[in-house]
Amino acid sequence: MSVVIVGGHDRMVSQYKKVCKSYQCKVKVFTQMRADFNKQIGSPDLLALFTNTVSHKMVKTALDEVDNGHTNVIRCHTSSKNALTEILEKSIKNEKNLDNICA
């Protein structure tokens, strides 16, 4: 499974990658908006938006790029390692109600 994480903290990037690797997921992490951000997202299986640490413009750009119906989008206010673990657990199980993961 391919995962794109938008938001989070710069110092947590290695932790995010380690968690995703433990679930055998390919991961791209974007904590800040780059000039070519929209071209780097691609079409992942899962887009995790850590909404507390990301700009509205970055969220809009990410959502515009993955607007193909193939990508599951999960918004989470918390950008912790545990939140990412919970997102991956529930996504891998393909649970129907992915919107309430971080409630």
C-alpha atoms as a PDB file:
ATOM      1  CA  MET A   1       0.000   0.000   0.000  1.00  0.00           C
ATOM      2  CA  SER A   2       1.238   3.489  -0.791  1.00  0.00           C
ATOM      3  CA  VAL A   3       0.730   6.277   1.716  1.00  0.00           C
ATOM      4  CA  VAL A   4       1.182  10.034   1.465  1.00  0.00           C
ATOM      5  CA  ILE A   5       1.319  11.992   4.711  1.00  0.00           C
ATOM      6  CA  VAL A   6       0.627  15.722   4.488  1.00  0.00           C
ATOM      7  CA  GLY A   7       1.399  17.769   7.572  1.00  0.00           C
ATOM      8  CA  GLY A   8       3.013  16.700  10.787  1.00  0.00           C
ATOM      9  CA  HIS A   9       6.239  17.835  12.362  1.00  0.00           C
ATOM     10  CA  ASP A  10       9.647  17.929  10.664  1.00  0.00           C
ATOM     11  CA  ARG A  11      11.268  16.102  13.561  1.00  0.00           C
ATOM     12  CA  MET A  12       8.773  13.229  13.236  1.00  0.00           C
ATOM     13  CA  VAL A  13       9.432  12.366   9.581  1.00  0.00           C
ATOM     14  CA  SER A  14      11.739   9.462  10.407  1.00  0.00           C
ATOM     15  CA  GLN A  15       9.193   8.120  12.915  1.00  0.00           C
ATOM     16  CA  TYR A  16       6.382   8.328  10.335  1.00  0.00           C
ATOM     17  CA  LYS A  17       8.537   6.426   7.838  1.00  0.00           C
ATOM     18  CA  LYS A  18       9.442   3.788  10.426  1.00  0.00           C
ATOM     19  CA  VAL A  19       5.782   3.187  11.310  1.00  0.00           C
ATOM     20  CA  CYS A  20       4.800   2.882   7.645  1.00  0.00           C
ATOM     21  CA  LYS A  21       7.697   0.531   6.962  1.00  0.00           C
ATOM     22  CA  SER A  22       6.527  -1.729   9.800  1.00  0.00           C
ATOM     23  CA  TYR A  23       3.198  -2.074   7.914  1.00  0.00           C
ATOM     24  CA  GLN A  24       5.004  -2.725   4.601  1.00  0.00           C
ATOM     25  CA  CYS A  25       3.794   0.581   3.151  1.00  0.00           C
ATOM     26  CA  LYS A  26       5.596   2.886   0.752  1.00  0.00           C
ATOM     27  CA  VAL A  27       5.442   6.393   2.155  1.00  0.00           C
ATOM     28  CA  LYS A  28       6.003   9.990   1.137  1.00  0.00           C
ATOM     29  CA  VAL A  29       5.942  12.636   3.863  1.00  0.00           C
ATOM     30  CA  PHE A  30       5.360  16.325   3.183  1.00  0.00           C
ATOM     31  CA  THR A  31       5.566  18.522   6.271  1.00  0.00           C
ATOM     32  CA  GLN A  32       6.042  21.731   4.294  1.00  0.00           C
ATOM     33  CA  MET A  33       4.788  22.869   0.919  1.00  0.00           C
ATOM     34  CA  ARG A  34       7.385  22.757  -1.818  1.00  0.00           C
ATOM     35  CA  ALA A  35       7.140  24.499  -5.169  1.00  0.00           C
ATOM     36  CA  ASP A  36       6.422  21.223  -7.010  1.00  0.00           C
ATOM     37  CA  PHE A  37       4.301  19.668  -4.251  1.00  0.00           C
ATOM     38  CA  ASN A  38       1.342  18.956  -6.538  1.00  0.00           C
ATOM     39  CA  LYS A  39       3.536  16.970  -8.936  1.00  0.00           C
ATOM     40  CA  GLN A  40       5.049  14.788  -6.200  1.00  0.00           C
ATOM     41  CA  ILE A  41       1.876  13.403  -4.622  1.00  0.00           C
ATOM     42  CA  GLY A  42       0.952  10.910  -7.325  1.00  0.00           C
ATOM     43  CA  SER A  43      -2.011   8.592  -6.720  1.00  0.00           C
ATOM     44  CA  PRO A  44      -1.510   6.852  -3.357  1.00  0.00           C
ATOM     45  CA  ASP A  45      -3.840   4.312  -1.787  1.00  0.00           C
ATOM     46  CA  LEU A  46      -4.084   6.462   1.351  1.00  0.00           C
ATOM     47  CA  LEU A  47      -3.715  10.192   1.968  1.00  0.00           C
ATOM     48  CA  ALA A  48      -3.311  11.078   5.647  1.00  0.00           C
ATOM     49  CA  LEU A  49      -3.844  14.767   6.412  1.00  0.00           C
ATOM     50  CA  PHE A  50      -2.589  15.922   9.796  1.00  0.00           C
ATOM     51  CA  THR A  51      -4.801  18.998   9.927  1.00  0.00           C
ATOM     52  CA  ASN A  52      -3.342  20.685  12.996  1.00  0.00           C
ATOM     53  CA  THR A  53       0.044  21.251  11.387  1.00  0.00           C
ATOM     54  CA  VAL A  54      -0.759  21.988   7.753  1.00  0.00           C
ATOM     55  CA  SER A  55      -1.904  25.058   5.842  1.00  0.00           C
ATOM     56  CA  HIS A  56      -5.277  25.264   4.113  1.00  0.00           C
ATOM     57  CA  LYS A  57      -3.521  25.798   0.792  1.00  0.00           C
ATOM     58  CA  MET A  58      -1.502  22.603   1.219  1.00  0.00           C
ATOM     59  CA  VAL A  59      -4.629  20.598   2.084  1.00  0.00           C
ATOM     60  CA  LYS A  60      -6.472  21.982  -0.943  1.00  0.00           C
ATOM     61  CA  THR A  61      -3.550  21.198  -3.256  1.00  0.00           C
ATOM     62  CA  ALA A  62      -3.278  17.637  -1.933  1.00  0.00           C
ATOM     63  CA  LEU A  63      -7.019  17.011  -2.247  1.00  0.00           C
ATOM     64  CA  ASP A  64      -7.105  18.434  -5.781  1.00  0.00           C
ATOM     65  CA  GLU A  65      -4.310  16.089  -6.862  1.00  0.00           C
ATOM     66  CA  VAL A  66      -5.852  12.891  -5.477  1.00  0.00           C
ATOM     67  CA  ASP A  67      -9.423  13.630  -6.548  1.00  0.00           C
ATOM     68  CA  ASN A  68      -9.729  10.412  -8.524  1.00  0.00           C
ATOM     69  CA  GLY A  69     -11.839   8.175  -6.279  1.00  0.00           C
ATOM     70  CA  HIS A  70      -8.986   5.671  -5.866  1.00  0.00           C
ATOM     71  CA  THR A  71      -7.394   7.300  -2.823  1.00  0.00           C
ATOM     72  CA  ASN A  72      -8.774   7.029   0.718  1.00  0.00           C
ATOM     73  CA  VAL A  73      -8.432  10.390   2.454  1.00  0.00           C
ATOM     74  CA  ILE A  74      -8.201  10.491   6.227  1.00  0.00           C
ATOM     75  CA  ARG A  75      -8.064  13.744   8.177  1.00  0.00           C
ATOM     76  CA  CYS A  76      -6.641  13.648  11.661  1.00  0.00           C
ATOM     77  CA  HIS A  77      -6.122  16.582  14.000  1.00  0.00           C
ATOM     78  CA  THR A  78      -3.317  14.839  15.877  1.00  0.00           C
ATOM     79  CA  SER A  79       0.022  14.277  14.152  1.00  0.00           C
ATOM     80  CA  SER A  80       1.436  11.716  16.555  1.00  0.00           C
ATOM     81  CA  LYS A  81       3.028   8.350  15.901  1.00  0.00           C
ATOM     82  CA  ASN A  82       0.093   6.662  17.633  1.00  0.00           C
ATOM     83  CA  ALA A  83      -2.414   8.465  15.423  1.00  0.00           C
ATOM     84  CA  LEU A  84      -0.576   7.263  12.311  1.00  0.00           C
ATOM     85  CA  THR A  85      -0.484   3.721  13.671  1.00  0.00           C
ATOM     86  CA  GLU A  86      -4.231   3.818  14.256  1.00  0.00           C
ATOM     87  CA  ILE A  87      -4.839   5.181  10.755  1.00  0.00           C
ATOM     88  CA  LEU A  88      -2.777   2.409   9.182  1.00  0.00           C
ATOM     89  CA  GLU A  89      -4.383  -0.301  11.326  1.00  0.00           C
ATOM     90  CA  LYS A  90      -7.879   0.700  10.308  1.00  0.00           C
ATOM     91  CA  SER A  91      -6.963   1.353   6.680  1.00  0.00           C
ATOM     92  CA  ILE A  92      -5.360  -2.051   6.269  1.00  0.00           C
ATOM     93  CA  LYS A  93      -8.449  -3.675   7.725  1.00  0.00           C
ATOM     94  CA  ASN A  94     -10.452  -1.699   5.100  1.00  0.00           C
ATOM     95  CA  GLU A  95     -12.980  -0.532   7.631  1.00  0.00           C
ATOM     96  CA  LYS A  96     -15.906   1.331   6.155  1.00  0.00           C
ATOM     97  CA  ASN A  97     -15.974   4.274   8.566  1.00  0.00           C
ATOM     98  CA  LEU A  98     -12.534   5.782   8.042  1.00  0.00           C
ATOM     99  CA  ASP A  99     -13.741   9.335   8.748  1.00  0.00           C
ATOM    100  CA  ASN A 100     -13.974   8.809  12.510  1.00  0.00           C
ATOM    101  CA  ILE A 101     -10.549   7.300  13.077  1.00  0.00           C
ATOM    102  CA  CYS A 102      -9.132  10.245  14.983  1.00  0.00           C
ATOM    103  CA  ALA A 103     -12.308  11.399  16.673  1.00  0.00           C
END
